[in-house]
Amino acid sequence: MTAISIKDRVSKALERVRPYLQSDGGDIDLIEVTDDMTVKVKLTGACHGCPYSMQTLKAGVEQAIIREVPEIKRVISA
C-alpha cells in the first residue's frame, strides 16, 4: 500500500470545495504545501478580490482541508 502524499490529500479536499466556488463564478488553485504545514492557495475568477474571500478561505476552504488533512496548520492566500 502506498502512502498518499499530503499534497495529494490537500488536492482531494480542494476538489470537494471547488464546485461551491465555481457555482459563484470562482475557483481555487493550490500553490504549495510548505514544510511547516501551511497550504498556500490562490482564489481565482469571481473569488479573487471578492470582499468575502478571506471569510471563504478561512471558514470554508481551511476548515475543509483541515478536516481531511489534520496535519495542516493553516491555509493562506498566496
Protein backbone atom coordinates (compact mmCIF):
# COMPACT_ATOMS: atom_id res chain seq x y z
CA MET A 1 0.00 0.00 0.00
CA THR A 2 1.43 3.37 -0.98
CA ALA A 3 1.07 6.38 1.24
CA ILE A 4 -0.84 9.24 -0.30
CA SER A 5 1.17 12.45 -0.08
CA ILE A 6 -0.12 15.36 1.95
CA LYS A 7 -0.23 17.46 -1.21
CA ASP A 8 -2.44 14.85 -2.91
CA ARG A 9 -4.74 14.75 0.12
CA VAL A 10 -4.99 18.56 0.12
CA SER A 11 -5.78 18.48 -3.62
CA LYS A 12 -8.58 15.99 -2.96
CA ALA A 13 -10.03 18.26 -0.26
CA LEU A 14 -9.91 21.20 -2.68
CA GLU A 15 -11.78 19.13 -5.27
CA ARG A 16 -14.61 18.80 -2.75
CA VAL A 17 -14.93 22.58 -2.21
CA ARG A 18 -14.25 23.59 -5.81
CA PRO A 19 -17.88 23.11 -7.01
CA TYR A 20 -19.11 25.60 -4.39
CA LEU A 21 -16.58 28.19 -5.55
CA GLN A 22 -17.35 27.52 -9.20
CA SER A 23 -21.08 27.95 -8.59
CA ASP A 24 -20.28 31.58 -7.70
CA GLY A 25 -18.00 32.06 -10.72
CA GLY A 26 -14.75 31.47 -8.87
CA ASP A 27 -12.15 28.77 -8.43
CA ILE A 28 -9.07 27.92 -6.39
CA ASP A 29 -5.53 26.85 -7.26
CA LEU A 30 -3.17 25.00 -4.93
CA ILE A 31 0.17 26.83 -4.95
CA GLU A 32 2.12 24.79 -2.41
CA VAL A 33 2.19 22.95 0.89
CA THR A 34 5.12 24.26 2.93
CA ASP A 35 7.35 22.31 5.30
CA ASP A 36 5.58 23.92 8.28
CA MET A 37 2.23 22.51 7.04
CA THR A 38 0.86 25.77 5.64
CA VAL A 39 -1.22 25.48 2.49
CA LYS A 40 -0.88 28.34 0.02
CA VAL A 41 -3.77 28.78 -2.39
CA LYS A 42 -4.89 31.35 -4.92
CA LEU A 43 -8.54 32.26 -5.31
CA THR A 44 -9.37 32.99 -8.94
CA GLY A 45 -12.29 34.21 -11.01
CA ALA A 46 -15.08 35.92 -9.09
CA CYS A 47 -13.47 34.81 -5.79
CA HIS A 48 -10.34 36.85 -6.46
CA GLY A 49 -10.83 40.24 -4.87
CA CYS A 50 -14.28 39.43 -3.51
CA PRO A 51 -14.96 41.20 -0.20
CA TYR A 52 -15.85 37.82 1.31
CA SER A 53 -12.78 35.98 0.00
CA MET A 54 -11.00 35.85 3.38
CA GLN A 55 -14.15 34.52 5.03
CA THR A 56 -14.45 31.90 2.28
CA LEU A 57 -10.80 30.99 2.71
CA LYS A 58 -10.93 30.61 6.50
CA ALA A 59 -14.47 29.34 7.13
CA GLY A 60 -14.82 27.23 4.01
CA VAL A 61 -11.56 26.18 2.42
CA GLU A 62 -9.36 26.00 5.53
CA GLN A 63 -11.94 24.02 7.51
CA ALA A 64 -12.48 21.57 4.65
CA ILE A 65 -8.74 20.99 4.23
CA ILE A 66 -8.06 20.57 7.96
CA ARG A 67 -11.00 18.17 8.27
CA GLU A 68 -9.46 15.98 5.53
CA VAL A 69 -5.79 16.57 6.38
CA PRO A 70 -5.46 17.28 10.14
CA GLU A 71 -1.68 17.74 9.81
CA ILE A 72 -2.28 21.08 8.08
CA LYS A 73 -1.89 24.08 10.42
CA ARG A 74 -3.36 26.88 8.29
CA VAL A 75 -4.40 27.97 4.82
CA ILE A 76 -3.27 31.30 3.41
CA SER A 77 -3.81 33.22 0.19
CA ALA A 78 -0.71 33.41 -1.99
